[in-house]
Amino acid sequence: MTKENRTRRRADALTQQRIVEAAIEILDQDGEDALTFRALAAHLATGSGALYWHVADKQTLLAQATDQIVAAALHEAATR
């Protein structure tokens, strides 16, 4: 990690929704093994401790990501 990456700051507030969306991006791109709180923190330009304020643990995060993916798929199917 370069110094520039370590000092980069988020442009908008960290929310549970942003965390779940970023987790889904990592899952889509690199799979479940790549989803760690450290990787997620780097992706969101924050510390891993800040993530725990919004999400209790990885299992909870995976459940929330799954819920969001299923809800989106059901919505898409309903609008066809």
N, C-alpha and C. Protein backbone atom coordinates (compact mmCIF):
# COMPACT_ATOMS: atom_id res chain seq x y z
N MET A 1 0.85 -1.18 0.00
CA MET A 1 0.00 0.00 0.00
C MET A 1 0.89 1.23 0.00
N THR A 2 0.59 2.16 -0.86
CA THR A 2 1.40 3.36 -0.94
C THR A 2 0.92 4.38 0.08
N LYS A 3 1.77 5.34 0.34
CA LYS A 3 1.41 6.40 1.29
C LYS A 3 0.17 7.14 0.82
N GLU A 4 0.05 7.34 -0.48
CA GLU A 4 -1.11 8.03 -1.04
C GLU A 4 -2.40 7.27 -0.72
N ASN A 5 -2.39 5.93 -0.84
CA ASN A 5 -3.57 5.13 -0.53
C ASN A 5 -3.92 5.20 0.96
N ARG A 6 -2.91 5.23 1.82
CA ARG A 6 -3.16 5.27 3.25
C ARG A 6 -3.75 6.59 3.70
N THR A 7 -3.43 7.67 3.01
CA THR A 7 -3.91 8.99 3.43
C THR A 7 -5.16 9.43 2.67
N ARG A 8 -5.60 8.66 1.70
CA ARG A 8 -6.81 8.99 0.95
C ARG A 8 -8.01 8.92 1.88
N ARG A 9 -8.93 9.84 1.76
CA ARG A 9 -10.11 9.91 2.62
C ARG A 9 -11.38 9.73 1.80
N ARG A 10 -12.40 9.21 2.46
CA ARG A 10 -13.70 9.04 1.82
C ARG A 10 -14.28 10.41 1.50
N ALA A 11 -15.01 10.48 0.41
CA ALA A 11 -15.67 11.72 0.04
C ALA A 11 -17.04 11.84 0.72
N ASP A 12 -17.63 10.70 1.07
CA ASP A 12 -18.94 10.74 1.71
C ASP A 12 -18.94 9.88 2.97
N ALA A 13 -19.98 10.02 3.76
CA ALA A 13 -20.05 9.36 5.07
C ALA A 13 -20.11 7.84 4.94
N LEU A 14 -19.52 7.18 5.90
CA LEU A 14 -19.56 5.73 5.97
C LEU A 14 -20.90 5.30 6.57
N THR A 15 -21.62 4.46 5.86
CA THR A 15 -22.90 3.96 6.33
C THR A 15 -22.93 2.45 6.17
N GLN A 16 -23.87 1.82 6.84
CA GLN A 16 -24.02 0.38 6.70
C GLN A 16 -24.30 0.02 5.24
N GLN A 17 -25.11 0.79 4.56
CA GLN A 17 -25.42 0.54 3.16
C GLN A 17 -24.17 0.62 2.29
N ARG A 18 -23.34 1.62 2.49
CA ARG A 18 -22.10 1.75 1.71
C ARG A 18 -21.18 0.56 1.98
N ILE A 19 -21.13 0.12 3.21
CA ILE A 19 -20.28 -1.02 3.57
C ILE A 19 -20.77 -2.27 2.86
N VAL A 20 -22.07 -2.51 2.88
CA VAL A 20 -22.64 -3.69 2.22
C VAL A 20 -22.39 -3.62 0.72
N GLU A 21 -22.60 -2.47 0.12
CA GLU A 21 -22.36 -2.32 -1.33
C GLU A 21 -20.89 -2.57 -1.67
N ALA A 22 -19.99 -2.07 -0.85
CA ALA A 22 -18.56 -2.31 -1.10
C ALA A 22 -18.23 -3.79 -0.93
N ALA A 23 -18.85 -4.43 0.05
CA ALA A 23 -18.63 -5.86 0.25
C ALA A 23 -19.09 -6.64 -0.98
N ILE A 24 -20.23 -6.27 -1.53
CA ILE A 24 -20.74 -6.93 -2.74
C ILE A 24 -19.78 -6.73 -3.90
N GLU A 25 -19.21 -5.54 -4.03
CA GLU A 25 -18.23 -5.29 -5.09
C GLU A 25 -17.02 -6.23 -4.94
N ILE A 26 -16.52 -6.37 -3.72
CA ILE A 26 -15.38 -7.26 -3.48
C ILE A 26 -15.77 -8.70 -3.77
N LEU A 27 -16.94 -9.11 -3.32
CA LEU A 27 -17.41 -10.48 -3.57
C LEU A 27 -17.52 -10.74 -5.06
N ASP A 28 -18.10 -9.80 -5.81
CA ASP A 28 -18.25 -9.96 -7.26
C ASP A 28 -16.90 -10.04 -7.95
N GLN A 29 -15.99 -9.21 -7.51
CA GLN A 29 -14.70 -9.09 -8.18
C GLN A 29 -13.74 -10.23 -7.82
N ASP A 30 -13.66 -10.58 -6.53
CA ASP A 30 -12.61 -11.49 -6.09
C ASP A 30 -13.08 -12.70 -5.29
N GLY A 31 -14.36 -12.79 -4.97
CA GLY A 31 -14.88 -13.94 -4.25
C GLY A 31 -14.86 -13.77 -2.74
N GLU A 32 -15.48 -14.74 -2.07
CA GLU A 32 -15.66 -14.65 -0.62
C GLU A 32 -14.35 -14.64 0.15
N ASP A 33 -13.35 -15.38 -0.30
CA ASP A 33 -12.08 -15.41 0.42
C ASP A 33 -11.40 -14.05 0.46
N ALA A 34 -11.68 -13.21 -0.52
CA ALA A 34 -11.06 -11.88 -0.57
C ALA A 34 -11.74 -10.88 0.34
N LEU A 35 -12.94 -11.22 0.81
CA LEU A 35 -13.68 -10.28 1.66
C LEU A 35 -13.21 -10.41 3.10
N THR A 36 -12.37 -9.47 3.49
CA THR A 36 -11.93 -9.35 4.88
C THR A 36 -12.22 -7.92 5.31
N PHE A 37 -12.27 -7.71 6.61
CA PHE A 37 -12.51 -6.35 7.08
C PHE A 37 -11.34 -5.44 6.72
N ARG A 38 -10.15 -6.00 6.66
CA ARG A 38 -8.99 -5.21 6.24
C ARG A 38 -9.13 -4.78 4.79
N ALA A 39 -9.51 -5.72 3.90
CA ALA A 39 -9.69 -5.39 2.48
C ALA A 39 -10.85 -4.41 2.29
N LEU A 40 -11.91 -4.63 3.05
CA LEU A 40 -13.06 -3.74 2.96
C LEU A 40 -12.70 -2.34 3.44
N ALA A 41 -11.94 -2.24 4.51
CA ALA A 41 -11.51 -0.94 5.02
C ALA A 41 -10.65 -0.21 3.98
N ALA A 42 -9.75 -0.94 3.34
CA ALA A 42 -8.92 -0.34 2.31
C ALA A 42 -9.77 0.14 1.13
N HIS A 43 -10.75 -0.67 0.75
CA HIS A 43 -11.65 -0.32 -0.36
C HIS A 43 -12.43 0.95 -0.05
N LEU A 44 -12.79 1.13 1.22
CA LEU A 44 -13.58 2.29 1.62
C LEU A 44 -12.74 3.44 2.18
N ALA A 45 -11.43 3.26 2.20
CA ALA A 45 -10.51 4.28 2.70
C ALA A 45 -10.84 4.67 4.14
N THR A 46 -10.93 3.66 4.99
CA THR A 46 -11.21 3.89 6.41
C THR A 46 -10.45 2.85 7.22
N GLY A 47 -10.58 2.90 8.50
CA GLY A 47 -9.99 1.89 9.37
C GLY A 47 -10.97 0.75 9.60
N SER A 48 -10.45 -0.44 9.87
CA SER A 48 -11.34 -1.57 10.07
C SER A 48 -12.21 -1.38 11.31
N GLY A 49 -11.72 -0.66 12.32
CA GLY A 49 -12.53 -0.39 13.50
C GLY A 49 -13.79 0.37 13.19
N ALA A 50 -13.74 1.27 12.21
CA ALA A 50 -14.92 2.04 11.82
C ALA A 50 -16.00 1.13 11.24
N LEU A 51 -15.59 0.05 10.60
CA LEU A 51 -16.55 -0.87 10.02
C LEU A 51 -17.36 -1.57 11.10
N TYR A 52 -16.68 -1.93 12.20
CA TYR A 52 -17.35 -2.64 13.28
C TYR A 52 -18.41 -1.78 13.97
N TRP A 53 -18.36 -0.49 13.79
CA TRP A 53 -19.38 0.40 14.33
C TRP A 53 -20.71 0.14 13.62
N HIS A 54 -20.63 -0.27 12.34
CA HIS A 54 -21.81 -0.47 11.50
C HIS A 54 -22.19 -1.93 11.30
N VAL A 55 -21.21 -2.83 11.37
CA VAL A 55 -21.43 -4.25 11.09
C VAL A 55 -20.71 -5.07 12.17
N ALA A 56 -21.42 -5.99 12.79
CA ALA A 56 -20.86 -6.74 13.92
C ALA A 56 -19.71 -7.66 13.54
N ASP A 57 -19.86 -8.39 12.43
CA ASP A 57 -18.84 -9.35 12.04
C ASP A 57 -19.05 -9.76 10.58
N LYS A 58 -18.17 -10.62 10.07
CA LYS A 58 -18.22 -11.01 8.67
C LYS A 58 -19.49 -11.78 8.35
N GLN A 59 -19.93 -12.64 9.25
CA GLN A 59 -21.16 -13.41 9.00
C GLN A 59 -22.36 -12.48 8.85
N THR A 60 -22.44 -11.47 9.69
CA THR A 60 -23.52 -10.48 9.59
C THR A 60 -23.43 -9.73 8.27
N LEU A 61 -22.22 -9.36 7.89
CA LEU A 61 -22.00 -8.65 6.63
C LEU A 61 -22.42 -9.52 5.45
N LEU A 62 -22.04 -10.79 5.46
CA LEU A 62 -22.44 -11.69 4.37
C LEU A 62 -23.96 -11.86 4.31
N ALA A 63 -24.60 -11.94 5.47
CA ALA A 63 -26.05 -12.06 5.50
C ALA A 63 -26.70 -10.80 4.92
N GLN A 64 -26.19 -9.64 5.26
CA GLN A 64 -26.75 -8.39 4.75
C GLN A 64 -26.52 -8.27 3.24
N ALA A 65 -25.35 -8.69 2.78
CA ALA A 65 -25.07 -8.65 1.34
C ALA A 65 -26.01 -9.61 0.60
N THR A 66 -26.21 -10.79 1.16
CA THR A 66 -27.11 -11.76 0.55
C THR A 66 -28.53 -11.22 0.49
N ASP A 67 -28.99 -10.62 1.58
CA ASP A 67 -30.33 -10.03 1.60
C ASP A 67 -30.48 -8.99 0.51
N GLN A 68 -29.47 -8.14 0.35
CA GLN A 68 -29.55 -7.08 -0.66
C GLN A 68 -29.57 -7.65 -2.07
N ILE A 69 -28.75 -8.66 -2.32
CA ILE A 69 -28.70 -9.28 -3.65
C ILE A 69 -30.02 -9.96 -3.98
N VAL A 70 -30.57 -10.71 -3.02
CA VAL A 70 -31.84 -11.40 -3.24
C VAL A 70 -32.97 -10.39 -3.44
N ALA A 71 -33.00 -9.35 -2.64
CA ALA A 71 -34.04 -8.31 -2.78
C ALA A 71 -33.98 -7.66 -4.16
N ALA A 72 -32.78 -7.38 -4.63
CA ALA A 72 -32.63 -6.78 -5.95
C ALA A 72 -33.10 -7.73 -7.05
N ALA A 73 -32.77 -9.01 -6.90
CA ALA A 73 -33.20 -10.00 -7.91
C ALA A 73 -34.71 -10.16 -7.91
N LEU A 74 -35.33 -10.18 -6.73
CA LEU A 74 -36.78 -10.30 -6.65
C LEU A 74 -37.46 -9.07 -7.23
N HIS A 75 -36.91 -7.90 -6.95
CA HIS A 75 -37.47 -6.66 -7.51
C HIS A 75 -37.39 -6.68 -9.04
N GLU A 76 -36.26 -7.10 -9.55
CA GLU A 76 -36.08 -7.16 -11.00
C GLU A 76 -37.06 -8.16 -11.62
N ALA A 77 -37.23 -9.31 -10.99
CA ALA A 77 -38.16 -10.31 -11.51
C ALA A 77 -39.60 -9.81 -11.46
N ALA A 78 -39.94 -9.05 -10.44
CA ALA A 78 -41.30 -8.54 -10.29
C ALA A 78 -41.63 -7.46 -11.31
N THR A 79 -40.61 -6.76 -11.79
CA THR A 79 -40.85 -5.66 -12.72
C THR A 79 -40.81 -6.11 -14.18
N ARG A 80 -40.62 -7.37 -14.39
CA ARG A 80 -40.61 -7.87 -15.79
C ARG A 80 -41.99 -8.13 -16.29
